[in-house]
Amino acid sequence: MPESPEALSQHDLLTFTGGSHRQGWKLTRQEQEVFVPVSARLRVNNSFAVRDAAAQGLGVALLPLAVANSLPATHQLTRVLPEWGSAPIPVHAVFPGLRYLTPKVRAFIDLAVEMFSDS
């Protein structure tokens, strides 16, 4: 088990490569922030494939909790560095304006705010 973010470089890492992800992981703990360069054993553009590879014991992965917790009961992941987390990623809702906001869009925005809030 790695005891610090820096120790991750001694382990097989599994990474998600979609979007604008850099060649490393930004981890935070309270006010502290560390950038961990990643030389991955496996790079894929599907977070569920990363999750499944981690569940099969292929290495350490940085996953959203919703993805990690969606494993079938027959598999289990172990949280590494529990005092550390990934840096927050901003999420924006873009729509034409309140004048044209339909009830469906309003309901979606309200649900997204609830799902992405820290509380």
PDB file of N, CA and C in Angstrom:
ATOM      1  N   MET A   1       0.836  -1.183   0.000  1.00  0.00           N
ATOM      2  CA  MET A   1       0.000   0.000   0.000  1.00  0.00           C
ATOM      3  C   MET A   1       0.883   1.249   0.000  1.00  0.00           C
ATOM      4  N   PRO A   2       0.625   2.161  -0.927  1.00  0.00           N
ATOM      5  CA  PRO A   2       1.383   3.417  -0.893  1.00  0.00           C
ATOM      6  C   PRO A   2       1.004   4.220   0.350  1.00  0.00           C
ATOM      7  N   GLU A   3       1.990   4.878   0.946  1.00  0.00           N
ATOM      8  CA  GLU A   3       1.746   5.672   2.148  1.00  0.00           C
ATOM      9  C   GLU A   3       1.702   7.166   1.866  1.00  0.00           C
ATOM     10  N   SER A   4       2.032   7.561   0.636  1.00  0.00           N
ATOM     11  CA  SER A   4       1.996   8.974   0.254  1.00  0.00           C
ATOM     12  C   SER A   4       1.741   9.056  -1.246  1.00  0.00           C
ATOM     13  N   PRO A   5       1.287  10.210  -1.733  1.00  0.00           N
ATOM     14  CA  PRO A   5       1.090  10.352  -3.180  1.00  0.00           C
ATOM     15  C   PRO A   5       2.369  10.085  -3.972  1.00  0.00           C
ATOM     16  N   GLU A   6       3.507  10.482  -3.422  1.00  0.00           N
ATOM     17  CA  GLU A   6       4.776  10.276  -4.117  1.00  0.00           C
ATOM     18  C   GLU A   6       5.088   8.791  -4.289  1.00  0.00           C
ATOM     19  N   ALA A   7       4.605   7.956  -3.380  1.00  0.00           N
ATOM     20  CA  ALA A   7       4.857   6.510  -3.446  1.00  0.00           C
ATOM     21  C   ALA A   7       4.071   5.834  -4.567  1.00  0.00           C
ATOM     22  N   LEU A   8       3.102   6.533  -5.143  1.00  0.00           N
ATOM     23  CA  LEU A   8       2.319   5.939  -6.233  1.00  0.00           C
ATOM     24  C   LEU A   8       3.191   5.586  -7.431  1.00  0.00           C
ATOM     25  N   SER A   9       4.296   6.285  -7.603  1.00  0.00           N
ATOM     26  CA  SER A   9       5.170   6.013  -8.752  1.00  0.00           C
ATOM     27  C   SER A   9       5.799   4.619  -8.679  1.00  0.00           C
ATOM     28  N   GLN A  10       5.749   3.979  -7.517  1.00  0.00           N
ATOM     29  CA  GLN A  10       6.291   2.633  -7.346  1.00  0.00           C
ATOM     30  C   GLN A  10       5.243   1.554  -7.611  1.00  0.00           C
ATOM     31  N   HIS A  11       4.057   1.948  -8.051  1.00  0.00           N
ATOM     32  CA  HIS A  11       2.953   1.016  -8.263  1.00  0.00           C
ATOM     33  C   HIS A  11       2.480   1.052  -9.710  1.00  0.00           C
ATOM     34  N   ASP A  12       1.803  -0.016 -10.116  1.00  0.00           N
ATOM     35  CA  ASP A  12       1.168  -0.037 -11.430  1.00  0.00           C
ATOM     36  C   ASP A  12      -0.061   0.856 -11.363  1.00  0.00           C
ATOM     37  N   LEU A  13      -0.133   1.834 -12.269  1.00  0.00           N
ATOM     38  CA  LEU A  13      -1.235   2.789 -12.266  1.00  0.00           C
ATOM     39  C   LEU A  13      -2.116   2.588 -13.490  1.00  0.00           C
ATOM     40  N   LEU A  14      -3.400   2.791 -13.296  1.00  0.00           N
ATOM     41  CA  LEU A  14      -4.401   2.648 -14.350  1.00  0.00           C
ATOM     42  C   LEU A  14      -5.049   4.008 -14.527  1.00  0.00           C
ATOM     43  N   THR A  15      -5.077   4.529 -15.750  1.00  0.00           N
ATOM     44  CA  THR A  15      -5.562   5.894 -15.926  1.00  0.00           C
ATOM     45  C   THR A  15      -6.645   6.013 -16.988  1.00  0.00           C
ATOM     46  N   PHE A  16      -7.495   6.994 -16.754  1.00  0.00           N
ATOM     47  CA  PHE A  16      -8.518   7.421 -17.707  1.00  0.00           C
ATOM     48  C   PHE A  16      -7.905   8.522 -18.557  1.00  0.00           C
ATOM     49  N   THR A  17      -7.973   8.387 -19.875  1.00  0.00           N
ATOM     50  CA  THR A  17      -7.303   9.351 -20.752  1.00  0.00           C
ATOM     51  C   THR A  17      -8.264  10.254 -21.514  1.00  0.00           C
ATOM     52  N   GLY A  18      -9.555  10.156 -21.267  1.00  0.00           N
ATOM     53  CA  GLY A  18     -10.506  10.987 -21.993  1.00  0.00           C
ATOM     54  C   GLY A  18     -10.495  12.423 -21.518  1.00  0.00           C
ATOM     55  N   GLY A  19     -11.068  13.294 -22.304  1.00  0.00           N
ATOM     56  CA  GLY A  19     -11.186  14.695 -21.920  1.00  0.00           C
ATOM     57  C   GLY A  19      -9.856  15.416 -21.923  1.00  0.00           C
ATOM     58  N   SER A  20      -9.716  16.341 -20.981  1.00  0.00           N
ATOM     59  CA  SER A  20      -8.520  17.181 -20.936  1.00  0.00           C
ATOM     60  C   SER A  20      -7.572  16.761 -19.815  1.00  0.00           C
ATOM     61  N   HIS A  21      -7.543  15.484 -19.496  1.00  0.00           N
ATOM     62  CA  HIS A  21      -6.700  15.008 -18.406  1.00  0.00           C
ATOM     63  C   HIS A  21      -5.227  15.116 -18.766  1.00  0.00           C
ATOM     64  N   ARG A  22      -4.465  15.570 -17.799  1.00  0.00           N
ATOM     65  CA  ARG A  22      -3.027  15.713 -17.989  1.00  0.00           C
ATOM     66  C   ARG A  22      -2.331  14.379 -17.759  1.00  0.00           C
ATOM     67  N   GLN A  23      -1.026  14.385 -17.890  1.00  0.00           N
ATOM     68  CA  GLN A  23      -0.222  13.189 -17.675  1.00  0.00           C
ATOM     69  C   GLN A  23       0.079  12.998 -16.191  1.00  0.00           C
ATOM     70  N   GLY A  24      -0.919  13.171 -15.362  1.00  0.00           N
ATOM     71  CA  GLY A  24      -0.718  12.987 -13.936  1.00  0.00           C
ATOM     72  C   GLY A  24      -2.003  13.224 -13.168  1.00  0.00           C
ATOM     73  N   TRP A  25      -1.928  13.008 -11.879  1.00  0.00           N
ATOM     74  CA  TRP A  25      -3.073  13.169 -10.995  1.00  0.00           C
ATOM     75  C   TRP A  25      -2.810  14.319 -10.032  1.00  0.00           C
ATOM     76  N   LYS A  26      -3.792  15.189  -9.853  1.00  0.00           N
ATOM     77  CA  LYS A  26      -3.709  16.255  -8.860  1.00  0.00           C
ATOM     78  C   LYS A  26      -4.501  15.792  -7.647  1.00  0.00           C
ATOM     79  N   LEU A  27      -3.801  15.587  -6.532  1.00  0.00           N
ATOM     80  CA  LEU A  27      -4.431  15.120  -5.306  1.00  0.00           C
ATOM     81  C   LEU A  27      -4.409  16.230  -4.263  1.00  0.00           C
ATOM     82  N   THR A  28      -5.461  16.278  -3.449  1.00  0.00           N
ATOM     83  CA  THR A  28      -5.562  17.310  -2.422  1.00  0.00           C
ATOM     84  C   THR A  28      -5.852  16.673  -1.063  1.00  0.00           C
ATOM     85  N   ARG A  29      -5.359  17.354  -0.030  1.00  0.00           N
ATOM     86  CA  ARG A  29      -5.647  16.990   1.358  1.00  0.00           C
ATOM     87  C   ARG A  29      -5.699  18.291   2.130  1.00  0.00           C
ATOM     88  N   GLN A  30      -6.882  18.646   2.608  1.00  0.00           N
ATOM     89  CA  GLN A  30      -7.120  19.931   3.265  1.00  0.00           C
ATOM     90  C   GLN A  30      -6.620  21.049   2.357  1.00  0.00           C
ATOM     91  N   GLU A  31      -5.619  21.806   2.743  1.00  0.00           N
ATOM     92  CA  GLU A  31      -5.103  22.910   1.921  1.00  0.00           C
ATOM     93  C   GLU A  31      -3.901  22.491   1.073  1.00  0.00           C
ATOM     94  N   GLN A  32      -3.480  21.250   1.190  1.00  0.00           N
ATOM     95  CA  GLN A  32      -2.295  20.762   0.492  1.00  0.00           C
ATOM     96  C   GLN A  32      -2.691  20.183  -0.871  1.00  0.00           C
ATOM     97  N   GLU A  33      -1.865  20.443  -1.882  1.00  0.00           N
ATOM     98  CA  GLU A  33      -2.114  19.940  -3.224  1.00  0.00           C
ATOM     99  C   GLU A  33      -0.817  19.370  -3.792  1.00  0.00           C
ATOM    100  N   VAL A  34      -0.915  18.177  -4.384  1.00  0.00           N
ATOM    101  CA  VAL A  34       0.257  17.498  -4.935  1.00  0.00           C
ATOM    102  C   VAL A  34      -0.078  17.035  -6.347  1.00  0.00           C
ATOM    103  N   PHE A  35       0.848  17.261  -7.278  1.00  0.00           N
ATOM    104  CA  PHE A  35       0.698  16.731  -8.631  1.00  0.00           C
ATOM    105  C   PHE A  35       1.567  15.483  -8.736  1.00  0.00           C
ATOM    106  N   VAL A  36       0.947  14.366  -9.068  1.00  0.00           N
ATOM    107  CA  VAL A  36       1.649  13.091  -9.171  1.00  0.00           C
ATOM    108  C   VAL A  36       1.791  12.744 -10.651  1.00  0.00           C
ATOM    109  N   PRO A  37       3.010  12.757 -11.198  1.00  0.00           N
ATOM    110  CA  PRO A  37       3.196  12.340 -12.582  1.00  0.00           C
ATOM    111  C   PRO A  37       2.846  10.860 -12.705  1.00  0.00           C
ATOM    112  N   VAL A  38       2.158  10.500 -13.774  1.00  0.00           N
ATOM    113  CA  VAL A  38       1.703   9.122 -13.927  1.00  0.00           C
ATOM    114  C   VAL A  38       2.326   8.492 -15.165  1.00  0.00           C
ATOM    115  N   SER A  39       3.003   7.379 -14.927  1.00  0.00           N
ATOM    116  CA  SER A  39       3.453   6.514 -16.009  1.00  0.00           C
ATOM    117  C   SER A  39       2.608   5.260 -15.863  1.00  0.00           C
ATOM    118  N   ALA A  40       1.572   5.156 -16.663  1.00  0.00           N
ATOM    119  CA  ALA A  40       0.537   4.156 -16.433  1.00  0.00           C
ATOM    120  C   ALA A  40       0.839   2.814 -17.073  1.00  0.00           C
ATOM    121  N   ARG A  41       0.401   1.778 -16.377  1.00  0.00           N
ATOM    122  CA  ARG A  41       0.431   0.427 -16.922  1.00  0.00           C
ATOM    123  C   ARG A  41      -0.663   0.282 -17.979  1.00  0.00           C
ATOM    124  N   LEU A  42      -1.776   0.969 -17.757  1.00  0.00           N
ATOM    125  CA  LEU A  42      -2.920   0.893 -18.660  1.00  0.00           C
ATOM    126  C   LEU A  42      -3.538   2.277 -18.778  1.00  0.00           C
ATOM    127  N   ARG A  43      -3.800   2.705 -20.019  1.00  0.00           N
ATOM    128  CA  ARG A  43      -4.494   3.973 -20.300  1.00  0.00           C
ATOM    129  C   ARG A  43      -5.690   3.661 -21.197  1.00  0.00           C
ATOM    130  N   VAL A  44      -6.863   4.019 -20.733  1.00  0.00           N
ATOM    131  CA  VAL A  44      -8.073   3.803 -21.532  1.00  0.00           C
ATOM    132  C   VAL A  44      -8.971   5.024 -21.426  1.00  0.00           C
ATOM    133  N   ASN A  45      -9.901   5.151 -22.370  1.00  0.00           N
ATOM    134  CA  ASN A  45     -10.784   6.316 -22.374  1.00  0.00           C
ATOM    135  C   ASN A  45     -12.176   5.983 -21.847  1.00  0.00           C
ATOM    136  N   ASN A  46     -12.250   4.988 -20.965  1.00  0.00           N
ATOM    137  CA  ASN A  46     -13.515   4.591 -20.370  1.00  0.00           C
ATOM    138  C   ASN A  46     -13.281   4.343 -18.883  1.00  0.00           C
ATOM    139  N   SER A  47     -13.926   5.127 -18.016  1.00  0.00           N
ATOM    140  CA  SER A  47     -13.673   5.006 -16.585  1.00  0.00           C
ATOM    141  C   SER A  47     -14.136   3.663 -16.030  1.00  0.00           C
ATOM    142  N   PHE A  48     -15.135   3.042 -16.660  1.00  0.00           N
ATOM    143  CA  PHE A  48     -15.582   1.727 -16.197  1.00  0.00           C
ATOM    144  C   PHE A  48     -14.554   0.649 -16.534  1.00  0.00           C
ATOM    145  N   ALA A  49     -13.830   0.818 -17.630  1.00  0.00           N
ATOM    146  CA  ALA A  49     -12.747  -0.113 -17.959  1.00  0.00           C
ATOM    147  C   ALA A  49     -11.609   0.033 -16.952  1.00  0.00           C
ATOM    148  N   VAL A  50     -11.319   1.266 -16.533  1.00  0.00           N
ATOM    149  CA  VAL A  50     -10.304   1.492 -15.494  1.00  0.00           C
ATOM    150  C   VAL A  50     -10.753   0.811 -14.204  1.00  0.00           C
ATOM    151  N   ARG A  51     -12.015   1.008 -13.834  1.00  0.00           N
ATOM    152  CA  ARG A  51     -12.572   0.389 -12.624  1.00  0.00           C
ATOM    153  C   ARG A  51     -12.451  -1.126 -12.673  1.00  0.00           C
ATOM    154  N   ASP A  52     -12.830  -1.711 -13.804  1.00  0.00           N
ATOM    155  CA  ASP A  52     -12.788  -3.168 -13.932  1.00  0.00           C
ATOM    156  C   ASP A  52     -11.364  -3.702 -13.873  1.00  0.00           C
ATOM    157  N   ALA A  53     -10.418  -2.976 -14.458  1.00  0.00           N
ATOM    158  CA  ALA A  53      -9.011  -3.388 -14.398  1.00  0.00           C
ATOM    159  C   ALA A  53      -8.514  -3.334 -12.954  1.00  0.00           C
ATOM    160  N   ALA A  54      -8.897  -2.307 -12.215  1.00  0.00           N
ATOM    161  CA  ALA A  54      -8.506  -2.209 -10.810  1.00  0.00           C
ATOM    162  C   ALA A  54      -9.119  -3.351 -10.000  1.00  0.00           C
ATOM    163  N   ALA A  55     -10.362  -3.674 -10.275  1.00  0.00           N
ATOM    164  CA  ALA A  55     -11.040  -4.763  -9.570  1.00  0.00           C
ATOM    165  C   ALA A  55     -10.382  -6.109  -9.848  1.00  0.00           C
ATOM    166  N   GLN A  56      -9.751  -6.236 -11.008  1.00  0.00           N
ATOM    167  CA  GLN A  56      -9.043  -7.473 -11.353  1.00  0.00           C
ATOM    168  C   GLN A  56      -7.620  -7.499 -10.808  1.00  0.00           C
ATOM    169  N   GLY A  57      -7.228  -6.436 -10.083  1.00  0.00           N
ATOM    170  CA  GLY A  57      -5.920  -6.395  -9.451  1.00  0.00           C
ATOM    171  C   GLY A  57      -4.784  -5.937 -10.341  1.00  0.00           C
ATOM    172  N   LEU A  58      -5.106  -5.225 -11.433  1.00  0.00           N
ATOM    173  CA  LEU A  58      -4.063  -4.788 -12.355  1.00  0.00           C
ATOM    174  C   LEU A  58      -3.313  -3.543 -11.891  1.00  0.00           C
ATOM    175  N   GLY A  59      -3.835  -2.835 -10.890  1.00  0.00           N
ATOM    176  CA  GLY A  59      -3.125  -1.649 -10.423  1.00  0.00           C
ATOM    177  C   GLY A  59      -4.007  -0.697  -9.644  1.00  0.00           C
ATOM    178  N   VAL A  60      -3.459   0.490  -9.409  1.00  0.00           N
ATOM    179  CA  VAL A  60      -4.122   1.553  -8.654  1.00  0.00           C
ATOM    180  C   VAL A  60      -4.770   2.510  -9.646  1.00  0.00           C
ATOM    181  N   ALA A  61      -6.012   2.904  -9.363  1.00  0.00           N
ATOM    182  CA  ALA A  61      -6.754   3.797 -10.260  1.00  0.00           C
ATOM    183  C   ALA A  61      -7.302   4.981  -9.471  1.00  0.00           C
ATOM    184  N   LEU A  62      -7.428   6.110 -10.133  1.00  0.00           N
ATOM    185  CA  LEU A  62      -8.098   7.285  -9.581  1.00  0.00           C
ATOM    186  C   LEU A  62      -9.473   7.337 -10.236  1.00  0.00           C
ATOM    187  N   LEU A  63     -10.521   7.093  -9.435  1.00  0.00           N
ATOM    188  CA  LEU A  63     -11.874   6.977  -9.968  1.00  0.00           C
ATOM    189  C   LEU A  63     -12.853   7.874  -9.230  1.00  0.00           C
ATOM    190  N   PRO A  64     -13.875   8.361  -9.928  1.00  0.00           N
ATOM    191  CA  PRO A  64     -14.973   9.025  -9.219  1.00  0.00           C
ATOM    192  C   PRO A  64     -15.660   8.000  -8.311  1.00  0.00           C
ATOM    193  N   LEU A  65     -16.107   8.427  -7.137  1.00  0.00           N
ATOM    194  CA  LEU A  65     -16.753   7.495  -6.207  1.00  0.00           C
ATOM    195  C   LEU A  65     -17.959   6.803  -6.823  1.00  0.00           C
ATOM    196  N   ALA A  66     -18.719   7.521  -7.641  1.00  0.00           N
ATOM    197  CA  ALA A  66     -19.895   6.914  -8.266  1.00  0.00           C
ATOM    198  C   ALA A  66     -19.496   5.742  -9.152  1.00  0.00           C
ATOM    199  N   VAL A  67     -18.376   5.841  -9.831  1.00  0.00           N
ATOM    200  CA  VAL A  67     -17.893   4.748 -10.690  1.00  0.00           C
ATOM    201  C   VAL A  67     -17.341   3.626  -9.825  1.00  0.00           C
ATOM    202  N   ALA A  68     -16.531   3.956  -8.837  1.00  0.00           N
ATOM    203  CA  ALA A  68     -15.946   2.943  -7.962  1.00  0.00           C
ATOM    204  C   ALA A  68     -17.023   2.168  -7.204  1.00  0.00           C
ATOM    205  N   ASN A  69     -18.065   2.859  -6.764  1.00  0.00           N
ATOM    206  CA  ASN A  69     -19.125   2.215  -5.984  1.00  0.00           C
ATOM    207  C   ASN A  69     -20.132   1.455  -6.829  1.00  0.00           C
ATOM    208  N   SER A  70     -19.996   1.508  -8.152  1.00  0.00           N
ATOM    209  CA  SER A  70     -20.963   0.837  -9.014  1.00  0.00           C
ATOM    210  C   SER A  70     -20.546  -0.590  -9.366  1.00  0.00           C
ATOM    211  N   LEU A  71     -19.530  -1.104  -8.705  1.00  0.00           N
ATOM    212  CA  LEU A  71     -19.085  -2.475  -8.963  1.00  0.00           C
ATOM    213  C   LEU A  71     -20.119  -3.480  -8.478  1.00  0.00           C
ATOM    214  N   PRO A  72     -20.228  -4.608  -9.151  1.00  0.00           N
ATOM    215  CA  PRO A  72     -21.101  -5.673  -8.636  1.00  0.00           C
ATOM    216  C   PRO A  72     -20.585  -6.147  -7.269  1.00  0.00           C
ATOM    217  N   ALA A  73     -21.460  -6.737  -6.476  1.00  0.00           N
ATOM    218  CA  ALA A  73     -21.106  -7.172  -5.120  1.00  0.00           C
ATOM    219  C   ALA A  73     -19.993  -8.221  -5.109  1.00  0.00           C
ATOM    220  N   THR A  74     -19.779  -8.903  -6.221  1.00  0.00           N
ATOM    221  CA  THR A  74     -18.761  -9.945  -6.270  1.00  0.00           C
ATOM    222  C   THR A  74     -17.345  -9.384  -6.348  1.00  0.00           C
ATOM    223  N   HIS A  75     -17.204  -8.094  -6.601  1.00  0.00           N
ATOM    224  CA  HIS A  75     -15.884  -7.453  -6.673  1.00  0.00           C
ATOM    225  C   HIS A  75     -15.771  -6.393  -5.592  1.00  0.00           C
ATOM    226  N   GLN A  76     -14.549  -6.074  -5.223  1.00  0.00           N
ATOM    227  CA  GLN A  76     -14.349  -5.052  -4.205  1.00  0.00           C
ATOM    228  C   GLN A  76     -13.059  -4.301  -4.487  1.00  0.00           C
ATOM    229  N   LEU A  77     -13.104  -2.995  -4.291  1.00  0.00           N
ATOM    230  CA  LEU A  77     -11.920  -2.157  -4.411  1.00  0.00           C
ATOM    231  C   LEU A  77     -11.499  -1.716  -3.017  1.00  0.00           C
ATOM    232  N   THR A  78     -10.211  -1.500  -2.844  1.00  0.00           N
ATOM    233  CA  THR A  78      -9.675  -0.995  -1.592  1.00  0.00           C
ATOM    234  C   THR A  78      -9.247   0.446  -1.804  1.00  0.00           C
ATOM    235  N   ARG A  79      -9.708   1.326  -0.955  1.00  0.00           N
ATOM    236  CA  ARG A  79      -9.332   2.736  -1.085  1.00  0.00           C
ATOM    237  C   ARG A  79      -7.888   2.923  -0.633  1.00  0.00           C
ATOM    238  N   VAL A  80      -7.108   3.560  -1.476  1.00  0.00           N
ATOM    239  CA  VAL A  80      -5.702   3.839  -1.200  1.00  0.00           C
ATOM    240  C   VAL A  80      -5.580   5.317  -0.854  1.00  0.00           C
ATOM    241  N   LEU A  81      -4.745   5.660   0.095  1.00  0.00           N
ATOM    242  CA  LEU A  81      -4.554   7.048   0.530  1.00  0.00           C
ATOM    243  C   LEU A  81      -5.896   7.716   0.860  1.00  0.00           C
ATOM    244  N   PRO A  82      -6.631   7.173   1.843  1.00  0.00           N
ATOM    245  CA  PRO A  82      -7.982   7.678   2.124  1.00  0.00           C
ATOM    246  C   PRO A  82      -8.048   9.137   2.548  1.00  0.00           C
ATOM    247  N   GLU A  83      -6.942   9.688   3.055  1.00  0.00           N
ATOM    248  CA  GLU A  83      -6.960  11.093   3.466  1.00  0.00           C
ATOM    249  C   GLU A  83      -6.774  12.040   2.285  1.00  0.00           C
ATOM    250  N   TRP A  84      -6.465  11.494   1.119  1.00  0.00           N
ATOM    251  CA  TRP A  84      -6.271  12.287  -0.092  1.00  0.00           C
ATOM    252  C   TRP A  84      -7.464  12.110  -1.024  1.00  0.00           C
ATOM    253  N   GLY A  85      -7.736  13.124  -1.816  1.00  0.00           N
ATOM    254  CA  GLY A  85      -8.795  13.051  -2.817  1.00  0.00           C
ATOM    255  C   GLY A  85      -8.356  13.765  -4.080  1.00  0.00           C
ATOM    256  N   SER A  86      -9.146  13.621  -5.115  1.00  0.00           N
ATOM    257  CA  SER A  86      -8.817  14.323  -6.351  1.00  0.00           C
ATOM    258  C   SER A  86      -9.273  15.773  -6.242  1.00  0.00           C
ATOM    259  N   ALA A  87      -8.603  16.620  -6.956  1.00  0.00           N
ATOM    260  CA  ALA A  87      -8.957  18.038  -6.955  1.00  0.00           C
ATOM    261  C   ALA A  87     -10.354  18.206  -7.551  1.00  0.00           C
ATOM    262  N   PRO A  88     -11.132  19.138  -7.029  1.00  0.00           N
ATOM    263  CA  PRO A  88     -12.471  19.357  -7.580  1.00  0.00           C
ATOM    264  C   PRO A  88     -12.416  19.778  -9.048  1.00  0.00           C
ATOM    265  N   ILE A  89     -13.383  19.317  -9.803  1.00  0.00           N
ATOM    266  CA  ILE A  89     -13.493  19.670 -11.220  1.00  0.00           C
ATOM    267  C   ILE A  89     -14.756  20.501 -11.381  1.00  0.00           C
ATOM    268  N   PRO A  90     -14.654  21.714 -11.879  1.00  0.00           N
ATOM    269  CA  PRO A  90     -15.852  22.539 -12.027  1.00  0.00           C
ATOM    270  C   PRO A  90     -16.806  21.961 -13.080  1.00  0.00           C
ATOM    271  N   VAL A  91     -18.082  22.098 -12.802  1.00  0.00           N
ATOM    272  CA  VAL A  91     -19.124  21.660 -13.730  1.00  0.00           C
ATOM    273  C   VAL A  91     -20.007  22.867 -14.017  1.00  0.00           C
ATOM    274  N   HIS A  92     -20.308  23.096 -15.282  1.00  0.00           N
ATOM    275  CA  HIS A  92     -21.117  24.247 -15.675  1.00  0.00           C
ATOM    276  C   HIS A  92     -22.348  23.784 -16.450  1.00  0.00           C
ATOM    277  N   ALA A  93     -23.460  24.435 -16.222  1.00  0.00           N
ATOM    278  CA  ALA A  93     -24.667  24.219 -17.013  1.00  0.00           C
ATOM    279  C   ALA A  93     -24.836  25.435 -17.919  1.00  0.00           C
ATOM    280  N   VAL A  94     -24.907  25.203 -19.207  1.00  0.00           N
ATOM    281  CA  VAL A  94     -25.032  26.294 -20.167  1.00  0.00           C
ATOM    282  C   VAL A  94     -26.393  26.157 -20.864  1.00  0.00           C
ATOM    283  N   PHE A  95     -27.160  27.229 -20.826  1.00  0.00           N
ATOM    284  CA  PHE A  95     -28.481  27.225 -21.456  1.00  0.00           C
ATOM    285  C   PHE A  95     -28.762  28.631 -21.963  1.00  0.00           C
ATOM    286  N   PRO A  96     -29.743  28.793 -22.859  1.00  0.00           N
ATOM    287  CA  PRO A  96     -29.935  30.078 -23.524  1.00  0.00           C
ATOM    288  C   PRO A  96     -30.344  31.231 -22.602  1.00  0.00           C
ATOM    289  N   GLY A  97     -30.890  30.968 -21.465  1.00  0.00           N
ATOM    290  CA  GLY A  97     -31.286  32.046 -20.558  1.00  0.00           C
ATOM    291  C   GLY A  97     -32.537  31.663 -19.793  1.00  0.00           C
ATOM    292  N   LEU A  98     -32.780  32.362 -18.694  1.00  0.00           N
ATOM    293  CA  LEU A  98     -33.932  32.036 -17.854  1.00  0.00           C
ATOM    294  C   LEU A  98     -35.258  32.212 -18.585  1.00  0.00           C
ATOM    295  N   ARG A  99     -35.289  33.089 -19.546  1.00  0.00           N
ATOM    296  CA  ARG A  99     -36.525  33.348 -20.274  1.00  0.00           C
ATOM    297  C   ARG A  99     -37.000  32.099 -21.022  1.00  0.00           C
ATOM    298  N   TYR A 100     -36.056  31.293 -21.521  1.00  0.00           N
ATOM    299  CA  TYR A 100     -36.399  30.103 -22.302  1.00  0.00           C
ATOM    300  C   TYR A 100     -36.179  28.804 -21.524  1.00  0.00           C
ATOM    301  N   LEU A 101     -36.048  28.878 -20.226  1.00  0.00           N
ATOM    302  CA  LEU A 101     -35.762  27.717 -19.393  1.00  0.00           C
ATOM    303  C   LEU A 101     -37.031  26.876 -19.211  1.00  0.00           C
ATOM    304  N   THR A 102     -37.012  25.664 -19.740  1.00  0.00           N
ATOM    305  CA  THR A 102     -38.171  24.774 -19.613  1.00  0.00           C
ATOM    306  C   THR A 102     -38.136  24.090 -18.247  1.00  0.00           C
ATOM    307  N   PRO A 103     -39.271  23.584 -17.791  1.00  0.00           N
ATOM    308  CA  PRO A 103     -39.296  22.867 -16.501  1.00  0.00           C
ATOM    309  C   PRO A 103     -38.350  21.652 -16.481  1.00  0.00           C
ATOM    310  N   LYS A 104     -38.201  20.971 -17.609  1.00  0.00           N
ATOM    311  CA  LYS A 104     -37.292  19.819 -17.666  1.00  0.00           C
ATOM    312  C   LYS A 104     -35.847  20.254 -17.432  1.00  0.00           C
ATOM    313  N   VAL A 105     -35.449  21.351 -18.072  1.00  0.00           N
ATOM    314  CA  VAL A 105     -34.080  21.845 -17.908  1.00  0.00           C
ATOM    315  C   VAL A 105     -33.876  22.329 -16.481  1.00  0.00           C
ATOM    316  N   ARG A 106     -34.839  23.043 -15.928  1.00  0.00           N
ATOM    317  CA  ARG A 106     -34.752  23.512 -14.537  1.00  0.00           C
ATOM    318  C   ARG A 106     -34.610  22.321 -13.582  1.00  0.00           C
ATOM    319  N   ALA A 107     -35.400  21.267 -13.805  1.00  0.00           N
ATOM    320  CA  ALA A 107     -35.318  20.072 -12.954  1.00  0.00           C
ATOM    321  C   ALA A 107     -33.949  19.410 -13.068  1.00  0.00           C
ATOM    322  N   PHE A 108     -33.406  19.361 -14.299  1.00  0.00           N
ATOM    323  CA  PHE A 108     -32.080  18.774 -14.490  1.00  0.00           C
ATOM    324  C   PHE A 108     -31.013  19.577 -13.762  1.00  0.00           C
ATOM    325  N   ILE A 109     -31.066  20.894 -13.888  1.00  0.00           N
ATOM    326  CA  ILE A 109     -30.078  21.752 -13.227  1.00  0.00           C
ATOM    327  C   ILE A 109     -30.169  21.586 -11.707  1.00  0.00           C
ATOM    328  N   ASP A 110     -31.395  21.559 -11.173  1.00  0.00           N
ATOM    329  CA  ASP A 110     -31.565  21.374  -9.731  1.00  0.00           C
ATOM    330  C   ASP A 110     -30.991  20.026  -9.278  1.00  0.00           C
ATOM    331  N   LEU A 111     -31.225  18.968 -10.051  1.00  0.00           N
ATOM    332  CA  LEU A 111     -30.692  17.653  -9.721  1.00  0.00           C
ATOM    333  C   LEU A 111     -29.162  17.650  -9.806  1.00  0.00           C
ATOM    334  N   ALA A 112     -28.606  18.275 -10.843  1.00  0.00           N
ATOM    335  CA  ALA A 112     -27.150  18.333 -10.995  1.00  0.00           C
ATOM    336  C   ALA A 112     -26.512  19.081  -9.835  1.00  0.00           C
ATOM    337  N   VAL A 113     -27.107  20.186  -9.415  1.00  0.00           N
ATOM    338  CA  VAL A 113     -26.582  20.934  -8.273  1.00  0.00           C
ATOM    339  C   VAL A 113     -26.593  20.054  -7.033  1.00  0.00           C
ATOM    340  N   GLU A 114     -27.681  19.338  -6.834  1.00  0.00           N
ATOM    341  CA  GLU A 114     -27.778  18.443  -5.669  1.00  0.00           C
ATOM    342  C   GLU A 114     -26.731  17.320  -5.734  1.00  0.00           C
ATOM    343  N   MET A 115     -26.546  16.726  -6.903  1.00  0.00           N
ATOM    344  CA  MET A 115     -25.629  15.592  -7.056  1.00  0.00           C
ATOM    345  C   MET A 115     -24.157  16.020  -6.949  1.00  0.00           C
ATOM    346  N   PHE A 116     -23.832  17.211  -7.437  1.00  0.00           N
ATOM    347  CA  PHE A 116     -22.448  17.660  -7.461  1.00  0.00           C
ATOM    348  C   PHE A 116     -22.054  18.508  -6.252  1.00  0.00           C
ATOM    349  N   SER A 117     -23.006  18.800  -5.366  1.00  0.00           N
ATOM    350  CA  SER A 117     -22.667  19.639  -4.207  1.00  0.00           C
ATOM    351  C   SER A 117     -21.826  18.847  -3.219  1.00  0.00           C
ATOM    352  N   ASP A 118     -21.048  19.555  -2.420  1.00  0.00           N
ATOM    353  CA  ASP A 118     -20.158  18.926  -1.436  1.00  0.00           C
ATOM    354  C   ASP A 118     -20.875  18.427  -0.205  1.00  0.00           C
ATOM    355  N   SER A 119     -22.078  18.883   0.028  1.00  0.00           N
ATOM    356  CA  SER A 119     -22.762  18.518   1.273  1.00  0.00           C
ATOM    357  C   SER A 119     -23.358  17.138   1.246  1.00  0.00           C
TER     358      SER A 119
END
